[in-house]
Amino acid sequence: MITRKTVRDKILGYLNHEITLAQLVDWAENALSEGALDLRDASLLAGVIARLGAADVEGFGLSWDDCYAFLARLGYKVEVVAA
């Protein structure tokens, strides 16, 4: 089941260079086709995941601001820490 935490972890994985944009897009496309979204948040999750799935399309892309906004919509407070 795909939850808010699942999507958060994928976005953070991308931002931390643990996965590539192509891997994030592939995951998002597969997640939507599987349809195993947490029913409590299905509309929210589908919207964010659909946008992640389009991140490789010219004119969409995926910026830091996009990721910040997605995480905020998912209910997470974003803080940047340099190590």
Protein backbone atom coordinates (compact mmCIF):
# COMPACT_ATOMS: atom_id res chain seq x y z
CA MET A 1 0.00 0.00 0.00
CA ILE A 2 1.26 3.45 -0.90
CA THR A 3 0.96 5.95 1.93
CA ARG A 4 2.06 9.53 2.56
CA LYS A 5 5.26 8.11 4.06
CA THR A 6 5.95 6.05 0.94
CA VAL A 7 5.71 9.13 -1.28
CA ARG A 8 7.75 11.19 1.20
CA ASP A 9 10.49 8.57 1.18
CA LYS A 10 10.63 8.54 -2.64
CA ILE A 11 10.86 12.33 -2.84
CA LEU A 12 13.57 12.42 -0.17
CA GLY A 13 15.41 9.62 -1.93
CA TYR A 14 15.46 11.73 -5.08
CA LEU A 15 16.54 14.90 -3.26
CA ASN A 16 19.33 12.99 -1.49
CA HIS A 17 20.54 11.47 -4.79
CA GLU A 18 19.68 7.94 -3.65
CA ILE A 19 17.49 7.51 -6.76
CA THR A 20 17.55 9.27 -10.11
CA LEU A 21 14.78 11.30 -11.66
CA ALA A 22 14.17 8.45 -14.09
CA GLN A 23 13.76 6.01 -11.18
CA LEU A 24 11.37 8.38 -9.42
CA VAL A 25 9.30 8.79 -12.57
CA ASP A 26 9.23 5.02 -13.17
CA TRP A 27 8.12 4.42 -9.59
CA ALA A 28 5.37 7.05 -9.89
CA GLU A 29 4.08 5.65 -13.17
CA ASN A 30 3.99 2.13 -11.74
CA ALA A 31 2.40 3.28 -8.49
CA LEU A 32 -0.49 4.88 -10.36
CA SER A 33 -1.06 1.88 -12.57
CA GLU A 34 -1.08 -0.47 -9.57
CA GLY A 35 -3.65 1.69 -7.77
CA ALA A 36 -2.72 0.52 -4.27
CA LEU A 37 -3.11 3.94 -2.66
CA ASP A 38 -4.07 4.42 0.97
CA LEU A 39 -7.80 5.06 0.65
CA ARG A 40 -7.73 7.70 3.39
CA ASP A 41 -5.47 9.89 1.22
CA ALA A 42 -6.13 8.50 -2.27
CA SER A 43 -6.95 11.83 -3.93
CA LEU A 44 -3.96 13.66 -2.42
CA LEU A 45 -1.56 10.80 -3.16
CA ALA A 46 -2.82 10.38 -6.73
CA GLY A 47 -2.30 14.09 -7.43
CA VAL A 48 1.25 14.17 -6.11
CA ILE A 49 2.23 10.87 -7.72
CA ALA A 50 0.75 11.88 -11.07
CA ARG A 51 2.84 15.05 -11.04
CA LEU A 52 5.97 13.06 -10.14
CA GLY A 53 5.21 10.74 -13.03
CA ALA A 54 5.26 13.68 -15.43
CA ALA A 55 8.57 15.08 -14.16
CA ASP A 56 10.46 13.77 -17.20
CA VAL A 57 8.17 15.55 -19.66
CA GLU A 58 9.57 18.71 -21.21
CA GLY A 59 7.89 21.70 -19.65
CA PHE A 60 7.18 19.97 -16.33
CA GLY A 61 10.50 19.04 -14.73
CA LEU A 62 10.88 18.79 -10.97
CA SER A 63 12.32 21.64 -8.94
CA TRP A 64 13.26 21.94 -5.29
CA ASP A 65 10.18 24.15 -4.85
CA ASP A 66 7.99 21.42 -6.35
CA CYS A 67 9.40 18.84 -3.94
CA TYR A 68 9.00 21.23 -0.99
CA ALA A 69 5.37 21.87 -1.95
CA PHE A 70 4.64 18.14 -2.35
CA LEU A 71 6.12 17.35 1.05
CA ALA A 72 4.14 20.18 2.65
CA ARG A 73 0.91 18.92 1.01
CA LEU A 74 1.67 15.49 2.42
CA GLY A 75 1.88 17.04 5.89
CA TYR A 76 5.63 17.16 6.38
CA LYS A 77 7.70 20.10 7.55
CA VAL A 78 10.85 20.42 5.45
CA GLU A 79 14.13 21.44 7.05
CA VAL A 80 17.47 21.52 5.26
CA VAL A 81 20.53 20.34 7.19
CA ALA A 82 24.04 20.35 5.79
CA ALA A 83 26.33 17.66 7.13
